[in-house]
C-alpha atoms as a PDB file:
ATOM      1  CA  ILE A   1      84.746  92.730  99.763  1.00  0.00           C
ATOM      2  CA  LEU A   2      86.989  93.779  97.584  1.00  0.00           C
ATOM      3  CA  LEU A   3      89.911  92.887  99.693  1.00  0.00           C
ATOM      4  CA  ASN A   4      88.554  89.813 100.600  1.00  0.00           C
ATOM      5  CA  PHE A   5      87.499  88.502  97.681  1.00  0.00           C
ATOM      6  CA  THR A   6      91.216  89.139  96.430  1.00  0.00           C
ATOM      7  CA  ASN A   7      92.716  87.372  99.717  1.00  0.00           C
ATOM      8  CA  PHE A   8      90.676  84.552  98.717  1.00  0.00           C
ATOM      9  CA  PHE A   9      92.228  84.074  95.291  1.00  0.00           C
ATOM     10  CA  LYS A  10      95.446  85.112  96.444  1.00  0.00           C
ATOM     11  CA  GLU A  11      95.331  82.214  98.930  1.00  0.00           C
ATOM     12  CA  GLU A  12      93.006  79.685  97.085  1.00  0.00           C
ATOM     13  CA  SER A  13      96.452  79.925  93.876  1.00  0.00           C
ATOM     14  CA  CYS A  14      98.023  77.222  93.415  1.00  0.00           C
ATOM     15  CA  GLY A  15     101.048  79.088  92.410  1.00  0.00           C
ATOM     16  CA  VAL A  16     101.810  77.758  89.105  1.00  0.00           C
ATOM     17  CA  CYS A  17     101.511  80.269  86.546  1.00  0.00           C
ATOM     18  CA  THR A  18     102.850  83.973  87.433  1.00  0.00           C
ATOM     19  CA  PRO A  19     100.152  86.185  86.260  1.00  0.00           C
ATOM     20  CA  CYS A  20      97.571  84.379  88.925  1.00  0.00           C
ATOM     21  CA  ARG A  21     100.680  84.101  91.944  1.00  0.00           C
ATOM     22  CA  ALA A  22     101.856  87.440  90.973  1.00  0.00           C
ATOM     23  CA  GLY A  23      98.516  89.558  90.136  1.00  0.00           C
ATOM     24  CA  ASN A  24      96.753  88.544  92.596  1.00  0.00           C
ATOM     25  CA  PHE A  25      99.599  89.917  95.459  1.00  0.00           C
ATOM     26  CA  ILE A  26      99.648  93.219  93.333  1.00  0.00           C
ATOM     27  CA  LEU A  27      96.174  93.673  93.492  1.00  0.00           C
ATOM     28  CA  GLN A  28      95.752  93.000  97.094  1.00  0.00           C
ATOM     29  CA  ARG A  29      98.500  95.728  98.063  1.00  0.00           C
ATOM     30  CA  LYS A  30      96.778  98.095  95.557  1.00  0.00           C
ATOM     31  CA  LEU A  31      93.658  97.724  97.405  1.00  0.00           C
ATOM     32  CA  GLU A  32      95.544  97.897 100.619  1.00  0.00           C
ATOM     33  CA  LYS A  33      96.760 101.327  99.185  1.00  0.00           C
ATOM     34  CA  ILE A  34      93.227 102.047  98.332  1.00  0.00           C
ATOM     35  CA  LYS A  35      91.742 101.125 101.880  1.00  0.00           C
ATOM     36  CA  MET A  36      94.392 103.294 103.456  1.00  0.00           C
ATOM     37  CA  GLY A  37      93.777 106.298 101.389  1.00  0.00           C
ATOM     38  CA  LEU A  38      97.547 106.251  99.752  1.00  0.00           C
ATOM     39  CA  ALA A  39      96.621 105.621  96.252  1.00  0.00           C
ATOM     40  CA  GLN A  40      98.231 107.351  93.182  1.00  0.00           C
ATOM     41  CA  HIS A  41      96.370 107.199  89.599  1.00  0.00           C
ATOM     42  CA  SER A  42      99.505 105.167  88.817  1.00  0.00           C
ATOM     43  CA  ASP A  43      97.649 102.396  91.087  1.00  0.00           C
ATOM     44  CA  TYR A  44      94.456 102.235  89.167  1.00  0.00           C
ATOM     45  CA  SER A  45      96.000 101.807  85.759  1.00  0.00           C
ATOM     46  CA  ASP A  46      98.453  99.301  87.424  1.00  0.00           C
ATOM     47  CA  ILE A  47      94.883  97.224  88.870  1.00  0.00           C
ATOM     48  CA  ARG A  48      93.673  96.949  85.396  1.00  0.00           C
ATOM     49  CA  GLN A  49      96.565  95.836  83.784  1.00  0.00           C
ATOM     50  CA  TRP A  50      96.791  93.251  86.238  1.00  0.00           C
ATOM     51  CA  GLY A  51      93.455  92.283  86.173  1.00  0.00           C
ATOM     52  CA  HIS A  52      93.883  92.023  81.903  1.00  0.00           C
ATOM     53  CA  ILE A  53      97.386  90.161  82.418  1.00  0.00           C
ATOM     54  CA  MET A  54      95.242  87.620  84.777  1.00  0.00           C
ATOM     55  CA  GLN A  55      92.344  87.345  82.275  1.00  0.00           C
ATOM     56  CA  THR A  56      94.362  86.269  79.540  1.00  0.00           C
ATOM     57  CA  ALA A  57      97.803  84.875  80.128  1.00  0.00           C
ATOM     58  CA  SER A  58      96.325  82.632  83.823  1.00  0.00           C
ATOM     59  CA  ARG A  59      95.966  78.336  83.257  1.00  0.00           C
ATOM     60  CA  CYS A  60      93.321  77.892  85.436  1.00  0.00           C
ATOM     61  CA  GLY A  61      89.446  79.479  85.697  1.00  0.00           C
ATOM     62  CA  LEU A  62      90.946  81.055  88.916  1.00  0.00           C
ATOM     63  CA  GLY A  63      93.208  82.988  87.801  1.00  0.00           C
ATOM     64  CA  LYS A  64      91.444  84.247  84.475  1.00  0.00           C
ATOM     65  CA  THR A  65      88.574  85.191  86.808  1.00  0.00           C
ATOM     66  CA  ALA A  66      90.193  86.697  89.614  1.00  0.00           C
ATOM     67  CA  SER A  67      90.479  90.069  88.605  1.00  0.00           C
ATOM     68  CA  ASN A  68      86.814  90.835  86.965  1.00  0.00           C
ATOM     69  CA  THR A  69      85.054  91.598  90.715  1.00  0.00           C
ATOM     70  CA  LEU A  70      87.493  94.569  90.818  1.00  0.00           C
ATOM     71  CA  LEU A  71      87.477  95.018  87.351  1.00  0.00           C
ATOM     72  CA  LYS A  72      83.576  95.537  87.397  1.00  0.00           C
ATOM     73  CA  ALA A  73      83.759  97.320  90.413  1.00  0.00           C
ATOM     74  CA  LEU A  74      86.220  99.717  88.967  1.00  0.00           C
ATOM     75  CA  ASP A  75      84.463 100.390  86.146  1.00  0.00           C
ATOM     76  CA  THR A  76      80.593 100.480  87.795  1.00  0.00           C
ATOM     77  CA  PHE A  77      81.826 102.526  90.638  1.00  0.00           C
ATOM     78  CA  PRO A  78      84.568 105.101  90.311  1.00  0.00           C
ATOM     79  CA  GLU A  79      83.605 107.866  92.891  1.00  0.00           C
ATOM     80  CA  PHE A  80      84.224 104.991  95.545  1.00  0.00           C
ATOM     81  CA  PHE A  81      87.442 104.748  95.063  1.00  0.00           C
ATOM     82  CA  THR A  82      88.262 107.943  94.875  1.00  0.00           C
ATOM     83  CA  ALA A  83      86.062 109.078  97.546  1.00  0.00           C
ATOM     84  CA  GLY A  84      87.607 111.480 100.384  1.00  0.00           C
ATOM     85  CA  GLN A  85      91.120 111.183  98.155  1.00  0.00           C
ATOM     86  CA  GLY A  86      90.377 114.855  96.577  1.00  0.00           C
ATOM     87  CA  ASP A  87      93.519 116.302  95.402  1.00  0.00           C
ATOM     88  CA  GLY A  88      95.344 113.696  97.920  1.00  0.00           C
ATOM     89  CA  LEU A  89      95.543 111.296  95.381  1.00  0.00           C
ATOM     90  CA  ASN A  90      99.860 112.058  94.578  1.00  0.00           C
ATOM     91  CA  ARG A  91     100.374 113.171  98.593  1.00  0.00           C
ATOM     92  CA  LYS A  92     103.459 113.294  99.494  1.00  0.00           C
ATOM     93  CA  PHE A  93     104.757 111.390 102.866  1.00  0.00           C
ATOM     94  CA  ASP A  94     105.800 113.546 105.534  1.00  0.00           C
ATOM     95  CA  LEU A  95     108.087 111.944 108.005  1.00  0.00           C
ATOM     96  CA  LYS A  96     108.616 115.555 110.299  1.00  0.00           C
ATOM     97  CA  LYS A  97     104.494 114.934 110.513  1.00  0.00           C
ATOM     98  CA  ALA A  98     104.162 111.688 111.233  1.00  0.00           C
ATOM     99  CA  THR A  99     107.073 111.354 113.692  1.00  0.00           C
ATOM    100  CA  GLU A 100     105.852 114.653 115.642  1.00  0.00           C
ATOM    101  CA  GLU A 101     103.719 112.937 118.363  1.00  0.00           C
ATOM    102  CA  TYR A 102     106.571 111.008 119.276  1.00  0.00           C
ATOM    103  CA  GLU A 103     109.640 113.521 119.400  1.00  0.00           C
ATOM    104  CA  LYS A 104     107.099 115.434 122.178  1.00  0.00           C
ATOM    105  CA  PHE A 105     106.779 112.344 123.653  1.00  0.00           C
ATOM    106  CA  LYS A 106     110.620 111.657 123.713  1.00  0.00           C
ATOM    107  CA  SER A 107     112.129 113.699 125.547  1.00  0.00           C
END
């Protein structure tokens, strides 16, 4: 649901002011990382920082309110964002493991 909201605001942004244009794009990317279970602690602070920037520096109501739902969800349901991630918040990408199956079929 949050990703749908963010996609909506990204598409509806007129693109005139940078906080709204860049902020919605960045929030969408951060939510996609969370959805895939690849978020790091810094992603959550980035969401909060960009949300604040958008609320204070956007020129219109769309930009000023675009991050409200996401920020409220972070405050109200923090366990949702970290569920299933455990200590994997700082996971490293393992190229060998990721290409293991490919290598089997390649030969």
